[in-house]
């Protein structure tokens, strides 16, 4: 490979590397940081999912559904 080709290839690699690094930084900045409001909302939603799982896995749930069908 000649030195001119190597130089052009090096420029291309540096440009693409800079773009990837820039996109990585933008993505990192756009992600929500630790926020107590978000954490409280997540905790509430997790509790609701646990409650729904408990209801659905309850043995009487299928029986209640069958009665509702009738």
PDB file of N, CA and C in Angstrom:
ATOM      1  N   UNK A   1       0.857  -1.173   0.000  1.00  0.00           N
ATOM      2  CA  UNK A   1       0.000   0.000   0.000  1.00  0.00           C
ATOM      3  C   UNK A   1       0.900   1.231   0.000  1.00  0.00           C
ATOM      4  N   UNK A   2       0.610   2.125  -0.880  1.00  0.00           N
ATOM      5  CA  UNK A   2       1.414   3.339  -0.984  1.00  0.00           C
ATOM      6  C   UNK A   2       1.101   4.285   0.166  1.00  0.00           C
ATOM      7  N   UNK A   3       1.979   5.231   0.388  1.00  0.00           N
ATOM      8  CA  UNK A   3       1.791   6.146   1.513  1.00  0.00           C
ATOM      9  C   UNK A   3       0.579   7.051   1.314  1.00  0.00           C
ATOM     10  N   UNK A   4       0.248   7.408   0.077  1.00  0.00           N
ATOM     11  CA  UNK A   4      -0.930   8.232  -0.194  1.00  0.00           C
ATOM     12  C   UNK A   4      -2.220   7.491   0.142  1.00  0.00           C
ATOM     13  N   UNK A   5      -2.269   6.210  -0.224  1.00  0.00           N
ATOM     14  CA  UNK A   5      -3.442   5.396   0.090  1.00  0.00           C
ATOM     15  C   UNK A   5      -3.577   5.199   1.597  1.00  0.00           C
ATOM     16  N   UNK A   6      -2.445   4.985   2.236  1.00  0.00           N
ATOM     17  CA  UNK A   6      -2.449   4.812   3.691  1.00  0.00           C
ATOM     18  C   UNK A   6      -2.943   6.084   4.384  1.00  0.00           C
ATOM     19  N   UNK A   7      -2.534   7.235   3.882  1.00  0.00           N
ATOM     20  CA  UNK A   7      -2.955   8.513   4.449  1.00  0.00           C
ATOM     21  C   UNK A   7      -4.464   8.701   4.297  1.00  0.00           C
ATOM     22  N   UNK A   8      -5.003   8.411   3.129  1.00  0.00           N
ATOM     23  CA  UNK A   8      -6.443   8.541   2.890  1.00  0.00           C
ATOM     24  C   UNK A   8      -7.216   7.570   3.778  1.00  0.00           C
ATOM     25  N   UNK A   9      -6.740   6.335   3.869  1.00  0.00           N
ATOM     26  CA  UNK A   9      -7.393   5.342   4.723  1.00  0.00           C
ATOM     27  C   UNK A   9      -7.361   5.781   6.184  1.00  0.00           C
ATOM     28  N   UNK A  10      -6.252   6.371   6.610  1.00  0.00           N
ATOM     29  CA  UNK A  10      -6.146   6.858   7.987  1.00  0.00           C
ATOM     30  C   UNK A  10      -7.151   7.968   8.256  1.00  0.00           C
ATOM     31  N   UNK A  11      -7.323   8.873   7.312  1.00  0.00           N
ATOM     32  CA  UNK A  11      -8.298   9.960   7.469  1.00  0.00           C
ATOM     33  C   UNK A  11      -9.704   9.396   7.585  1.00  0.00           C
ATOM     34  N   UNK A  12     -10.028   8.432   6.737  1.00  0.00           N
ATOM     35  CA  UNK A  12     -11.365   7.823   6.776  1.00  0.00           C
ATOM     36  C   UNK A  12     -11.607   7.157   8.129  1.00  0.00           C
ATOM     37  N   UNK A  13     -10.623   6.436   8.631  1.00  0.00           N
ATOM     38  CA  UNK A  13     -10.764   5.754   9.922  1.00  0.00           C
ATOM     39  C   UNK A  13     -10.943   6.767  11.049  1.00  0.00           C
ATOM     40  N   UNK A  14     -10.191   7.845  11.022  1.00  0.00           N
ATOM     41  CA  UNK A  14     -10.303   8.866  12.067  1.00  0.00           C
ATOM     42  C   UNK A  14     -11.675   9.531  12.021  1.00  0.00           C
ATOM     43  N   UNK A  15     -12.171   9.839  10.811  1.00  0.00           N
ATOM     44  CA  UNK A  15     -13.482  10.486  10.682  1.00  0.00           C
ATOM     45  C   UNK A  15     -14.584   9.580  11.212  1.00  0.00           C
ATOM     46  N   UNK A  16     -14.568   8.299  10.812  1.00  0.00           N
ATOM     47  CA  UNK A  16     -15.607   7.392  11.297  1.00  0.00           C
ATOM     48  C   UNK A  16     -15.481   7.147  12.795  1.00  0.00           C
ATOM     49  N   UNK A  17     -14.261   7.064  13.291  1.00  0.00           N
ATOM     50  CA  UNK A  17     -14.067   6.895  14.726  1.00  0.00           C
ATOM     51  C   UNK A  17     -14.599   8.088  15.508  1.00  0.00           C
ATOM     52  N   UNK A  18     -14.371   9.291  14.988  1.00  0.00           N
ATOM     53  CA  UNK A  18     -14.878  10.492  15.654  1.00  0.00           C
ATOM     54  C   UNK A  18     -16.402  10.514  15.648  1.00  0.00           C
ATOM     55  N   UNK A  19     -17.005  10.103  14.540  1.00  0.00           N
ATOM     56  CA  UNK A  19     -18.477  10.063  14.481  1.00  0.00           C
ATOM     57  C   UNK A  19     -19.049   9.067  15.482  1.00  0.00           C
ATOM     58  N   UNK A  20     -18.438   7.911  15.562  1.00  0.00           N
ATOM     59  CA  UNK A  20     -18.915   6.897  16.507  1.00  0.00           C
ATOM     60  C   UNK A  20     -18.782   7.412  17.937  1.00  0.00           C
ATOM     61  N   UNK A  21     -17.651   8.039  18.251  1.00  0.00           N
ATOM     62  CA  UNK A  21     -17.439   8.584  19.585  1.00  0.00           C
ATOM     63  C   UNK A  21     -18.446   9.686  19.894  1.00  0.00           C
ATOM     64  N   UNK A  22     -18.715  10.561  18.925  1.00  0.00           N
ATOM     65  CA  UNK A  22     -19.681  11.650  19.113  1.00  0.00           C
ATOM     66  C   UNK A  22     -21.085  11.091  19.355  1.00  0.00           C
ATOM     67  N   UNK A  23     -21.471  10.082  18.554  1.00  0.00           N
ATOM     68  CA  UNK A  23     -22.790   9.479  18.742  1.00  0.00           C
ATOM     69  C   UNK A  23     -22.895   8.803  20.098  1.00  0.00           C
ATOM     70  N   UNK A  24     -21.810   8.191  20.541  1.00  0.00           N
ATOM     71  CA  UNK A  24     -21.799   7.547  21.855  1.00  0.00           C
ATOM     72  C   UNK A  24     -22.014   8.583  22.964  1.00  0.00           C
ATOM     73  N   UNK A  25     -21.344   9.721  22.849  1.00  0.00           N
ATOM     74  CA  UNK A  25     -21.509  10.767  23.859  1.00  0.00           C
ATOM     75  C   UNK A  25     -22.927  11.334  23.849  1.00  0.00           C
ATOM     76  N   UNK A  26     -23.494  11.527  22.680  1.00  0.00           N
ATOM     77  CA  UNK A  26     -24.871  12.030  22.595  1.00  0.00           C
ATOM     78  C   UNK A  26     -25.850  11.054  23.213  1.00  0.00           C
ATOM     79  N   UNK A  27     -25.675   9.783  22.936  1.00  0.00           N
ATOM     80  CA  UNK A  27     -26.568   8.773  23.504  1.00  0.00           C
ATOM     81  C   UNK A  27     -26.433   8.729  25.022  1.00  0.00           C
ATOM     82  N   UNK A  28     -25.221   8.842  25.503  1.00  0.00           N
ATOM     83  CA  UNK A  28     -24.984   8.819  26.946  1.00  0.00           C
ATOM     84  C   UNK A  28     -25.649  10.015  27.632  1.00  0.00           C
ATOM     85  N   UNK A  29     -25.615  11.181  26.991  1.00  0.00           N
ATOM     86  CA  UNK A  29     -26.226  12.373  27.567  1.00  0.00           C
ATOM     87  C   UNK A  29     -27.742  12.333  27.498  1.00  0.00           C
ATOM     88  N   UNK A  30     -28.298  11.638  26.505  1.00  0.00           N
ATOM     89  CA  UNK A  30     -29.754  11.625  26.345  1.00  0.00           C
ATOM     90  C   UNK A  30     -30.440  10.656  27.296  1.00  0.00           C
ATOM     91  N   UNK A  31     -29.694   9.731  27.890  1.00  0.00           N
ATOM     92  CA  UNK A  31     -30.295   8.779  28.814  1.00  0.00           C
ATOM     93  C   UNK A  31     -30.637   9.487  30.119  1.00  0.00           C
ATOM     94  N   UNK A  32     -31.804   9.155  30.681  1.00  0.00           N
ATOM     95  CA  UNK A  32     -32.196   9.825  31.927  1.00  0.00           C
ATOM     96  C   UNK A  32     -31.241   9.474  33.061  1.00  0.00           C
ATOM     97  N   UNK A  33     -30.912  10.463  33.824  1.00  0.00           N
ATOM     98  CA  UNK A  33     -30.036  10.256  34.976  1.00  0.00           C
ATOM     99  C   UNK A  33     -30.877   9.778  36.153  1.00  0.00           C
ATOM    100  N   UNK A  34     -30.196   9.394  37.199  1.00  0.00           N
ATOM    101  CA  UNK A  34     -30.898   8.954  38.399  1.00  0.00           C
ATOM    102  C   UNK A  34     -31.739  10.110  38.931  1.00  0.00           C
ATOM    103  N   UNK A  35     -33.016   9.906  38.936  1.00  0.00           N
ATOM    104  CA  UNK A  35     -33.939  10.934  39.371  1.00  0.00           C
ATOM    105  C   UNK A  35     -34.873  10.297  40.393  1.00  0.00           C
ATOM    106  N   UNK A  36     -35.031  10.874  41.550  1.00  0.00           N
ATOM    107  CA  UNK A  36     -35.905  10.273  42.571  1.00  0.00           C
ATOM    108  C   UNK A  36     -37.342  10.103  42.081  1.00  0.00           C
ATOM    109  N   UNK A  37     -37.811  11.034  41.253  1.00  0.00           N
ATOM    110  CA  UNK A  37     -39.174  10.924  40.730  1.00  0.00           C
ATOM    111  C   UNK A  37     -39.313   9.676  39.860  1.00  0.00           C
ATOM    112  N   UNK A  38     -38.330   9.454  38.974  1.00  0.00           N
ATOM    113  CA  UNK A  38     -38.371   8.269  38.118  1.00  0.00           C
ATOM    114  C   UNK A  38     -38.257   7.002  38.944  1.00  0.00           C
ATOM    115  N   UNK A  39     -37.388   7.015  39.938  1.00  0.00           N
ATOM    116  CA  UNK A  39     -37.204   5.829  40.762  1.00  0.00           C
ATOM    117  C   UNK A  39     -38.472   5.516  41.551  1.00  0.00           C
ATOM    118  N   UNK A  40     -39.149   6.524  42.068  1.00  0.00           N
ATOM    119  CA  UNK A  40     -40.402   6.306  42.794  1.00  0.00           C
ATOM    120  C   UNK A  40     -41.461   5.735  41.859  1.00  0.00           C
ATOM    121  N   UNK A  41     -41.510   6.248  40.648  1.00  0.00           N
ATOM    122  CA  UNK A  41     -42.489   5.745  39.657  1.00  0.00           C
ATOM    123  C   UNK A  41     -42.184   4.294  39.302  1.00  0.00           C
ATOM    124  N   UNK A  42     -40.915   3.969  39.117  1.00  0.00           N
ATOM    125  CA  UNK A  42     -40.526   2.592  38.803  1.00  0.00           C
ATOM    126  C   UNK A  42     -40.880   1.665  39.949  1.00  0.00           C
ATOM    127  N   UNK A  43     -40.626   2.095  41.185  1.00  0.00           N
ATOM    128  CA  UNK A  43     -40.966   1.279  42.355  1.00  0.00           C
ATOM    129  C   UNK A  43     -42.464   1.018  42.427  1.00  0.00           C
ATOM    130  N   UNK A  44     -43.266   2.051  42.151  1.00  0.00           N
ATOM    131  CA  UNK A  44     -44.726   1.897  42.157  1.00  0.00           C
ATOM    132  C   UNK A  44     -45.171   0.894  41.099  1.00  0.00           C
ATOM    133  N   UNK A  45     -44.624   1.019  39.903  1.00  0.00           N
ATOM    134  CA  UNK A  45     -44.997   0.105  38.821  1.00  0.00           C
ATOM    135  C   UNK A  45     -44.565  -1.325  39.116  1.00  0.00           C
ATOM    136  N   UNK A  46     -43.386  -1.490  39.719  1.00  0.00           N
ATOM    137  CA  UNK A  46     -42.944  -2.836  40.081  1.00  0.00           C
ATOM    138  C   UNK A  46     -43.876  -3.458  41.115  1.00  0.00           C
ATOM    139  N   UNK A  47     -44.344  -2.673  42.067  1.00  0.00           N
ATOM    140  CA  UNK A  47     -45.268  -3.176  43.078  1.00  0.00           C
ATOM    141  C   UNK A  47     -46.587  -3.602  42.428  1.00  0.00           C
ATOM    142  N   UNK A  48     -47.051  -2.802  41.474  1.00  0.00           N
ATOM    143  CA  UNK A  48     -48.299  -3.141  40.789  1.00  0.00           C
ATOM    144  C   UNK A  48     -48.151  -4.435  39.984  1.00  0.00           C
ATOM    145  N   UNK A  49     -47.001  -4.619  39.344  1.00  0.00           N
ATOM    146  CA  UNK A  49     -46.770  -5.851  38.585  1.00  0.00           C
ATOM    147  C   UNK A  49     -46.721  -7.046  39.525  1.00  0.00           C
ATOM    148  N   UNK A  50     -46.075  -6.894  40.675  1.00  0.00           N
ATOM    149  CA  UNK A  50     -46.051  -7.990  41.651  1.00  0.00           C
ATOM    150  C   UNK A  50     -47.468  -8.362  42.096  1.00  0.00           C
ATOM    151  N   UNK A  51     -48.301  -7.351  42.324  1.00  0.00           N
ATOM    152  CA  UNK A  51     -49.677  -7.606  42.733  1.00  0.00           C
ATOM    153  C   UNK A  51     -50.435  -8.343  41.637  1.00  0.00           C
ATOM    154  N   UNK A  52     -50.274  -7.897  40.390  1.00  0.00           N
ATOM    155  CA  UNK A  52     -50.948  -8.569  39.281  1.00  0.00           C
ATOM    156  C   UNK A  52     -50.452 -10.007  39.118  1.00  0.00           C
ATOM    157  N   UNK A  53     -49.173 -10.234  39.274  1.00  0.00           N
ATOM    158  CA  UNK A  53     -48.644 -11.601  39.200  1.00  0.00           C
ATOM    159  C   UNK A  53     -49.246 -12.473  40.289  1.00  0.00           C
ATOM    160  N   UNK A  54     -49.386 -11.919  41.481  1.00  0.00           N
ATOM    161  CA  UNK A  54     -49.953 -12.692  42.583  1.00  0.00           C
ATOM    162  C   UNK A  54     -51.406 -13.036  42.292  1.00  0.00           C
ATOM    163  N   UNK A  55     -52.158 -12.096  41.715  1.00  0.00           N
ATOM    164  CA  UNK A  55     -53.565 -12.355  41.397  1.00  0.00           C
ATOM    165  C   UNK A  55     -53.682 -13.423  40.332  1.00  0.00           C
ATOM    166  N   UNK A  56     -52.882 -13.304  39.283  1.00  0.00           N
ATOM    167  CA  UNK A  56     -52.984 -14.244  38.166  1.00  0.00           C
ATOM    168  C   UNK A  56     -52.520 -15.635  38.566  1.00  0.00           C
ATOM    169  N   UNK A  57     -51.518 -15.750  39.410  1.00  0.00           N
ATOM    170  CA  UNK A  57     -51.026 -17.067  39.807  1.00  0.00           C
ATOM    171  C   UNK A  57     -51.828 -17.666  40.951  1.00  0.00           C
ATOM    172  N   UNK A  58     -52.795 -16.925  41.484  1.00  0.00           N
ATOM    173  CA  UNK A  58     -53.656 -17.443  42.539  1.00  0.00           C
ATOM    174  C   UNK A  58     -54.485 -18.586  41.962  1.00  0.00           C
ATOM    175  N   UNK A  59     -54.606 -19.691  42.704  1.00  0.00           N
ATOM    176  CA  UNK A  59     -55.329 -20.860  42.209  1.00  0.00           C
ATOM    177  C   UNK A  59     -56.808 -20.569  41.989  1.00  0.00           C
ATOM    178  N   UNK A  60     -57.380 -19.668  42.756  1.00  0.00           N
ATOM    179  CA  UNK A  60     -58.784 -19.347  42.600  1.00  0.00           C
ATOM    180  C   UNK A  60     -59.070 -18.458  41.389  1.00  0.00           C
ATOM    181  N   UNK A  61     -58.043 -17.909  40.789  1.00  0.00           N
ATOM    182  CA  UNK A  61     -58.238 -16.997  39.665  1.00  0.00           C
ATOM    183  C   UNK A  61     -58.895 -17.707  38.482  1.00  0.00           C
ATOM    184  N   UNK A  62     -58.418 -18.900  38.131  1.00  0.00           N
ATOM    185  CA  UNK A  62     -58.996 -19.638  37.010  1.00  0.00           C
ATOM    186  C   UNK A  62     -60.449 -20.000  37.288  1.00  0.00           C
ATOM    187  N   UNK A  63     -60.747 -20.360  38.513  1.00  0.00           N
ATOM    188  CA  UNK A  63     -62.116 -20.686  38.881  1.00  0.00           C
ATOM    189  C   UNK A  63     -63.016 -19.467  38.741  1.00  0.00           C
ATOM    190  N   UNK A  64     -62.537 -18.300  39.158  1.00  0.00           N
ATOM    191  CA  UNK A  64     -63.308 -17.065  39.013  1.00  0.00           C
ATOM    192  C   UNK A  64     -63.558 -16.750  37.555  1.00  0.00           C
ATOM    193  N   UNK A  65     -62.550 -16.979  36.706  1.00  0.00           N
ATOM    194  CA  UNK A  65     -62.727 -16.724  35.277  1.00  0.00           C
ATOM    195  C   UNK A  65     -63.773 -17.652  34.681  1.00  0.00           C
ATOM    196  N   UNK A  66     -63.758 -18.898  35.103  1.00  0.00           N
ATOM    197  CA  UNK A  66     -64.756 -19.855  34.594  1.00  0.00           C
ATOM    198  C   UNK A  66     -66.166 -19.438  35.014  1.00  0.00           C
ATOM    199  N   UNK A  67     -66.336 -18.978  36.265  1.00  0.00           N
ATOM    200  CA  UNK A  67     -67.649 -18.503  36.708  1.00  0.00           C
ATOM    201  C   UNK A  67     -68.085 -17.273  35.917  1.00  0.00           C
ATOM    202  N   UNK A  68     -67.141 -16.395  35.606  1.00  0.00           N
ATOM    203  CA  UNK A  68     -67.470 -15.215  34.828  1.00  0.00           C
ATOM    204  C   UNK A  68     -67.908 -15.579  33.413  1.00  0.00           C
ATOM    205  N   UNK A  69     -67.358 -16.636  32.867  1.00  0.00           N
ATOM    206  CA  UNK A  69     -67.754 -17.075  31.520  1.00  0.00           C
ATOM    207  C   UNK A  69     -69.197 -17.574  31.497  1.00  0.00           C
ATOM    208  N   UNK A  70     -69.616 -18.182  32.597  1.00  0.00           N
ATOM    209  CA  UNK A  70     -70.970 -18.705  32.664  1.00  0.00           C
ATOM    210  C   UNK A  70     -71.922 -17.560  32.828  1.00  0.00           C
TER     211      UNK A  70
END
